[in-house]
Structures are given as C-alpha cells and as structure tokens.
PDB file of N, CA and C in Angstrom:
ATOM      1  N   MET A   1       2.026  58.032  -5.702  1.00  0.00           N
ATOM      2  CA  MET A   1       2.826  57.098  -4.939  1.00  0.00           C
ATOM      3  C   MET A   1       4.295  57.503  -5.126  1.00  0.00           C
ATOM      4  N   SER A   2       5.030  57.510  -4.039  1.00  0.00           N
ATOM      5  CA  SER A   2       6.435  57.908  -4.143  1.00  0.00           C
ATOM      6  C   SER A   2       7.248  56.845  -4.883  1.00  0.00           C
ATOM      7  N   ALA A   3       8.316  57.287  -5.518  1.00  0.00           N
ATOM      8  CA  ALA A   3       9.171  56.368  -6.274  1.00  0.00           C
ATOM      9  C   ALA A   3       9.772  55.306  -5.345  1.00  0.00           C
ATOM     10  N   TYR A   4      10.167  55.695  -4.125  1.00  0.00           N
ATOM     11  CA  TYR A   4      10.752  54.731  -3.184  1.00  0.00           C
ATOM     12  C   TYR A   4       9.728  53.664  -2.789  1.00  0.00           C
ATOM     13  N   TYR A   5       8.499  54.098  -2.476  1.00  0.00           N
ATOM     14  CA  TYR A   5       7.456  53.160  -2.083  1.00  0.00           C
ATOM     15  C   TYR A   5       7.153  52.181  -3.214  1.00  0.00           C
ATOM     16  N   TRP A   6       7.081  52.689  -4.442  1.00  0.00           N
ATOM     17  CA  TRP A   6       6.818  51.854  -5.607  1.00  0.00           C
ATOM     18  C   TRP A   6       7.933  50.823  -5.780  1.00  0.00           C
ATOM     19  N   GLN A   7       9.184  51.287  -5.669  1.00  0.00           N
ATOM     20  CA  GLN A   7      10.338  50.388  -5.802  1.00  0.00           C
ATOM     21  C   GLN A   7      10.311  49.323  -4.714  1.00  0.00           C
ATOM     22  N   LYS A   8      10.008  49.700  -3.487  1.00  0.00           N
ATOM     23  CA  LYS A   8       9.966  48.745  -2.375  1.00  0.00           C
ATOM     24  C   LYS A   8       8.939  47.660  -2.646  1.00  0.00           C
ATOM     25  N   ARG A   9       7.756  48.040  -3.140  1.00  0.00           N
ATOM     26  CA  ARG A   9       6.729  47.042  -3.451  1.00  0.00           C
ATOM     27  C   ARG A   9       7.187  46.109  -4.566  1.00  0.00           C
ATOM     28  N   TRP A  10       7.873  46.641  -5.578  1.00  0.00           N
ATOM     29  CA  TRP A  10       8.383  45.851  -6.698  1.00  0.00           C
ATOM     30  C   TRP A  10       9.378  44.814  -6.177  1.00  0.00           C
ATOM     31  N   VAL A  11      10.327  45.267  -5.385  1.00  0.00           N
ATOM     32  CA  VAL A  11      11.358  44.378  -4.831  1.00  0.00           C
ATOM     33  C   VAL A  11      10.713  43.353  -3.902  1.00  0.00           C
ATOM     34  N   ASP A  12       9.813  43.801  -3.037  1.00  0.00           N
ATOM     35  CA  ASP A  12       9.150  42.883  -2.101  1.00  0.00           C
ATOM     36  C   ASP A  12       8.380  41.781  -2.834  1.00  0.00           C
ATOM     37  N   ALA A  13       7.798  42.106  -3.980  1.00  0.00           N
ATOM     38  CA  ALA A  13       7.067  41.095  -4.755  1.00  0.00           C
ATOM     39  C   ALA A  13       8.007  39.985  -5.218  1.00  0.00           C
ATOM     40  N   LEU A  14       9.210  40.346  -5.639  1.00  0.00           N
ATOM     41  CA  LEU A  14      10.173  39.320  -6.056  1.00  0.00           C
ATOM     42  C   LEU A  14      10.673  38.524  -4.861  1.00  0.00           C
ATOM     43  N   VAL A  15      10.898  39.207  -3.744  1.00  0.00           N
ATOM     44  CA  VAL A  15      11.363  38.520  -2.534  1.00  0.00           C
ATOM     45  C   VAL A  15      10.334  37.481  -2.106  1.00  0.00           C
ATOM     46  N   GLU A  16       9.054  37.811  -2.197  1.00  0.00           N
ATOM     47  CA  GLU A  16       7.997  36.849  -1.851  1.00  0.00           C
ATOM     48  C   GLU A  16       8.017  35.626  -2.753  1.00  0.00           C
ATOM     49  N   LYS A  17       8.540  35.769  -3.969  1.00  0.00           N
ATOM     50  CA  LYS A  17       8.633  34.644  -4.910  1.00  0.00           C
ATOM     51  C   LYS A  17       9.942  33.872  -4.762  1.00  0.00           C
ATOM     52  N   GLY A  18      10.768  34.253  -3.785  1.00  0.00           N
ATOM     53  CA  GLY A  18      11.973  33.487  -3.516  1.00  0.00           C
ATOM     54  C   GLY A  18      13.267  34.083  -4.035  1.00  0.00           C
ATOM     55  N   VAL A  19      13.212  35.284  -4.588  1.00  0.00           N
ATOM     56  CA  VAL A  19      14.423  35.935  -5.074  1.00  0.00           C
ATOM     57  C   VAL A  19      15.076  36.657  -3.896  1.00  0.00           C
ATOM     58  N   GLU A  20      16.377  36.542  -3.768  1.00  0.00           N
ATOM     59  CA  GLU A  20      17.071  37.246  -2.690  1.00  0.00           C
ATOM     60  C   GLU A  20      16.900  38.746  -2.865  1.00  0.00           C
ATOM     61  N   ARG A  21      16.796  39.454  -1.737  1.00  0.00           N
ATOM     62  CA  ARG A  21      16.560  40.903  -1.787  1.00  0.00           C
ATOM     63  C   ARG A  21      17.636  41.623  -2.588  1.00  0.00           C
ATOM     64  N   SER A  22      18.894  41.284  -2.389  1.00  0.00           N
ATOM     65  CA  SER A  22      19.965  41.970  -3.126  1.00  0.00           C
ATOM     66  C   SER A  22      19.839  41.725  -4.627  1.00  0.00           C
ATOM     67  N   THR A  23      19.436  40.518  -5.016  1.00  0.00           N
ATOM     68  CA  THR A  23      19.226  40.209  -6.429  1.00  0.00           C
ATOM     69  C   THR A  23      18.039  40.990  -6.965  1.00  0.00           C
ATOM     70  N   ALA A  24      16.964  41.052  -6.195  1.00  0.00           N
ATOM     71  CA  ALA A  24      15.773  41.794  -6.614  1.00  0.00           C
ATOM     72  C   ALA A  24      16.092  43.279  -6.781  1.00  0.00           C
ATOM     73  N   GLU A  25      16.875  43.830  -5.874  1.00  0.00           N
ATOM     74  CA  GLU A  25      17.247  45.243  -5.977  1.00  0.00           C
ATOM     75  C   GLU A  25      18.107  45.496  -7.208  1.00  0.00           C
ATOM     76  N   THR A  26      19.012  44.572  -7.502  1.00  0.00           N
ATOM     77  CA  THR A  26      19.843  44.696  -8.703  1.00  0.00           C
ATOM     78  C   THR A  26      18.988  44.592  -9.961  1.00  0.00           C
ATOM     79  N   LEU A  27      18.045  43.670  -9.959  1.00  0.00           N
ATOM     80  CA  LEU A  27      17.145  43.520 -11.107  1.00  0.00           C
ATOM     81  C   LEU A  27      16.301  44.771 -11.312  1.00  0.00           C
ATOM     82  N   TYR A  28      15.831  45.362 -10.223  1.00  0.00           N
ATOM     83  CA  TYR A  28      15.057  46.601 -10.337  1.00  0.00           C
ATOM     84  C   TYR A  28      15.917  47.686 -10.978  1.00  0.00           C
ATOM     85  N   ALA A  29      17.125  47.844 -10.466  1.00  0.00           N
ATOM     86  CA  ALA A  29      18.022  48.886 -10.985  1.00  0.00           C
ATOM     87  C   ALA A  29      18.314  48.672 -12.471  1.00  0.00           C
ATOM     88  N   SER A  30      18.545  47.426 -12.873  1.00  0.00           N
ATOM     89  CA  SER A  30      18.851  47.180 -14.283  1.00  0.00           C
ATOM     90  C   SER A  30      17.605  47.286 -15.164  1.00  0.00           C
ATOM     91  N   THR A  31      16.449  46.901 -14.634  1.00  0.00           N
ATOM     92  CA  THR A  31      15.212  46.973 -15.405  1.00  0.00           C
ATOM     93  C   THR A  31      14.823  48.414 -15.696  1.00  0.00           C
ATOM     94  N   TYR A  32      15.017  49.283 -14.724  1.00  0.00           N
ATOM     95  CA  TYR A  32      14.580  50.670 -14.866  1.00  0.00           C
ATOM     96  C   TYR A  32      15.747  51.650 -14.980  1.00  0.00           C
ATOM     97  N   SER A  33      16.898  51.184 -15.418  1.00  0.00           N
ATOM     98  CA  SER A  33      18.055  52.070 -15.537  1.00  0.00           C
ATOM     99  C   SER A  33      17.930  53.048 -16.693  1.00  0.00           C
ATOM    100  N   LYS A  34      17.225  52.657 -17.750  1.00  0.00           N
ATOM    101  CA  LYS A  34      17.132  53.502 -18.936  1.00  0.00           C
ATOM    102  C   LYS A  34      15.785  54.197 -19.078  1.00  0.00           C
ATOM    103  N   GLU A  35      14.786  53.701 -18.377  1.00  0.00           N
ATOM    104  CA  GLU A  35      13.474  54.341 -18.438  1.00  0.00           C
ATOM    105  C   GLU A  35      12.800  54.218 -17.083  1.00  0.00           C
ATOM    106  N   ALA A  36      11.959  55.178 -16.794  1.00  0.00           N
ATOM    107  CA  ALA A  36      11.263  55.181 -15.509  1.00  0.00           C
ATOM    108  C   ALA A  36      10.225  54.059 -15.458  1.00  0.00           C
ATOM    109  N   ALA A  37       9.933  53.642 -14.257  1.00  0.00           N
ATOM    110  CA  ALA A  37       8.912  52.615 -14.062  1.00  0.00           C
ATOM    111  C   ALA A  37       7.550  53.164 -14.471  1.00  0.00           C
ATOM    112  N   ASP A  38       6.724  52.305 -15.038  1.00  0.00           N
ATOM    113  CA  ASP A  38       5.368  52.675 -15.427  1.00  0.00           C
ATOM    114  C   ASP A  38       4.470  52.541 -14.201  1.00  0.00           C
ATOM    115  N   GLN A  39       4.193  53.653 -13.558  1.00  0.00           N
ATOM    116  CA  GLN A  39       3.419  53.604 -12.323  1.00  0.00           C
ATOM    117  C   GLN A  39       1.917  53.499 -12.561  1.00  0.00           C
ATOM    118  N   SER A  40       1.505  53.329 -13.806  1.00  0.00           N
ATOM    119  CA  SER A  40       0.086  53.135 -14.079  1.00  0.00           C
ATOM    120  C   SER A  40      -0.347  51.696 -13.799  1.00  0.00           C
ATOM    121  N   LYS A  41       0.620  50.807 -13.657  1.00  0.00           N
ATOM    122  CA  LYS A  41       0.343  49.404 -13.320  1.00  0.00           C
ATOM    123  C   LYS A  41       0.970  49.126 -11.964  1.00  0.00           C
ATOM    124  N   SER A  42       0.430  48.170 -11.248  1.00  0.00           N
ATOM    125  CA  SER A  42       0.955  47.885  -9.912  1.00  0.00           C
ATOM    126  C   SER A  42       2.397  47.380 -10.009  1.00  0.00           C
ATOM    127  N   PRO A  43       3.213  47.733  -9.017  1.00  0.00           N
ATOM    128  CA  PRO A  43       4.594  47.255  -9.019  1.00  0.00           C
ATOM    129  C   PRO A  43       4.671  45.730  -8.929  1.00  0.00           C
ATOM    130  N   GLU A  44       3.746  45.131  -8.206  1.00  0.00           N
ATOM    131  CA  GLU A  44       3.754  43.672  -8.081  1.00  0.00           C
ATOM    132  C   GLU A  44       3.506  43.013  -9.435  1.00  0.00           C
ATOM    133  N   LEU A  45       2.566  43.542 -10.188  1.00  0.00           N
ATOM    134  CA  LEU A  45       2.273  43.002 -11.520  1.00  0.00           C
ATOM    135  C   LEU A  45       3.487  43.144 -12.430  1.00  0.00           C
ATOM    136  N   GLN A  46       4.106  44.296 -12.433  1.00  0.00           N
ATOM    137  CA  GLN A  46       5.266  44.498 -13.296  1.00  0.00           C
ATOM    138  C   GLN A  46       6.443  43.613 -12.879  1.00  0.00           C
ATOM    139  N   ALA A  47       6.615  43.412 -11.582  1.00  0.00           N
ATOM    140  CA  ALA A  47       7.686  42.534 -11.122  1.00  0.00           C
ATOM    141  C   ALA A  47       7.456  41.102 -11.595  1.00  0.00           C
ATOM    142  N   MET A  48       6.202  40.642 -11.516  1.00  0.00           N
ATOM    143  CA  MET A  48       5.897  39.285 -11.964  1.00  0.00           C
ATOM    144  C   MET A  48       6.055  39.157 -13.476  1.00  0.00           C
ATOM    145  N   LEU A  49       5.674  40.187 -14.213  1.00  0.00           N
ATOM    146  CA  LEU A  49       5.882  40.163 -15.658  1.00  0.00           C
ATOM    147  C   LEU A  49       7.367  40.078 -15.975  1.00  0.00           C
ATOM    148  N   MET A  50       8.174  40.796 -15.235  1.00  0.00           N
ATOM    149  CA  MET A  50       9.621  40.746 -15.445  1.00  0.00           C
ATOM    150  C   MET A  50      10.125  39.337 -15.190  1.00  0.00           C
ATOM    151  N   LEU A  51       9.616  38.685 -14.162  1.00  0.00           N
ATOM    152  CA  LEU A  51      10.021  37.300 -13.882  1.00  0.00           C
ATOM    153  C   LEU A  51       9.639  36.385 -15.033  1.00  0.00           C
ATOM    154  N   ASP A  52       8.435  36.536 -15.546  1.00  0.00           N
ATOM    155  CA  ASP A  52       7.931  35.651 -16.595  1.00  0.00           C
ATOM    156  C   ASP A  52       8.590  35.898 -17.951  1.00  0.00           C
ATOM    157  N   ILE A  53       8.864  37.145 -18.271  1.00  0.00           N
ATOM    158  CA  ILE A  53       9.316  37.481 -19.618  1.00  0.00           C
ATOM    159  C   ILE A  53      10.822  37.690 -19.708  1.00  0.00           C
ATOM    160  N   ASN A  54      11.360  38.515 -18.830  1.00  0.00           N
ATOM    161  CA  ASN A  54      12.746  38.956 -18.982  1.00  0.00           C
ATOM    162  C   ASN A  54      13.690  38.458 -17.902  1.00  0.00           C
ATOM    163  N   GLY A  55      13.198  37.746 -16.941  1.00  0.00           N
ATOM    164  CA  GLY A  55      13.990  37.530 -15.745  1.00  0.00           C
ATOM    165  C   GLY A  55      14.720  36.222 -15.652  1.00  0.00           C
ATOM    166  N   SER A  56      15.566  35.901 -16.587  1.00  0.00           N
ATOM    167  CA  SER A  56      16.268  34.630 -16.484  1.00  0.00           C
ATOM    168  C   SER A  56      17.093  34.574 -15.203  1.00  0.00           C
ATOM    169  N   LYS A  57      17.737  35.677 -14.823  1.00  0.00           N
ATOM    170  CA  LYS A  57      18.495  35.689 -13.567  1.00  0.00           C
ATOM    171  C   LYS A  57      17.552  35.523 -12.390  1.00  0.00           C
ATOM    172  N   ALA A  58      16.422  36.224 -12.412  1.00  0.00           N
ATOM    173  CA  ALA A  58      15.464  36.132 -11.325  1.00  0.00           C
ATOM    174  C   ALA A  58      14.839  34.752 -11.276  1.00  0.00           C
ATOM    175  N   LYS A  59      14.512  34.198 -12.434  1.00  0.00           N
ATOM    176  CA  LYS A  59      13.932  32.849 -12.457  1.00  0.00           C
ATOM    177  C   LYS A  59      14.912  31.838 -11.869  1.00  0.00           C
ATOM    178  N   THR A  60      16.168  31.952 -12.243  1.00  0.00           N
ATOM    179  CA  THR A  60      17.178  31.041 -11.722  1.00  0.00           C
ATOM    180  C   THR A  60      17.293  31.181 -10.213  1.00  0.00           C
ATOM    181  N   ALA A  61      17.300  32.421  -9.727  1.00  0.00           N
ATOM    182  CA  ALA A  61      17.388  32.661  -8.285  1.00  0.00           C
ATOM    183  C   ALA A  61      16.157  32.133  -7.568  1.00  0.00           C
ATOM    184  N   ALA A  62      14.987  32.316  -8.166  1.00  0.00           N
ATOM    185  CA  ALA A  62      13.749  31.844  -7.531  1.00  0.00           C
ATOM    186  C   ALA A  62      13.717  30.311  -7.498  1.00  0.00           C
ATOM    187  N   ARG A  63      14.168  29.654  -8.561  1.00  0.00           N
ATOM    188  CA  ARG A  63      14.198  28.181  -8.584  1.00  0.00           C
ATOM    189  C   ARG A  63      15.180  27.647  -7.559  1.00  0.00           C
ATOM    190  N   ALA A  64      16.323  28.292  -7.426  1.00  0.00           N
ATOM    191  CA  ALA A  64      17.335  27.845  -6.465  1.00  0.00           C
ATOM    192  C   ALA A  64      16.835  27.971  -5.041  1.00  0.00           C
ATOM    193  N   ALA A  65      16.030  28.991  -4.785  1.00  0.00           N
ATOM    194  CA  ALA A  65      15.515  29.220  -3.441  1.00  0.00           C
ATOM    195  C   ALA A  65      14.382  28.258  -3.095  1.00  0.00           C
ATOM    196  N   ALA A  66      13.699  27.728  -4.097  1.00  0.00           N
ATOM    197  CA  ALA A  66      12.533  26.866  -3.843  1.00  0.00           C
ATOM    198  C   ALA A  66      12.917  25.482  -3.386  1.00  0.00           C
TER     199      ALA A  66
END
C-alpha cells in the first residue's frame, strides 16, 4: 500500500469521527514525524487508537464537532 493511500485512510478515519481535516492532517504529521507508520495494522485502527490514547487535541476537536 502506498504511503499516501495509507495516510489518506488514516486522516479520513478521523474526519469520519468529527475531526476537521486540517486538524487530522496535523495530527498525522505530528504522530508520525519521528517514526514511520506501522503499516502492518490498518490505518483506521491506528487512527482510532491515537484518538483513544494520545489524542487530547483530536478528542477535543471531535467533541466540539459533535
């Protein structure tokens, strides 16, 4: 799977949960700035894990959108 396609799916998963696209793209960039994405797991799963575990900014954005 291409890196762009994987990133698009990751961002789209957050957008579906109510996070603004620009915020989701920023979160992706900051999440994977120091290490590559683990493509052995689905991008949607990893995006949701980020929301649940590390995503205080994303959680706040998702709550505001709801």
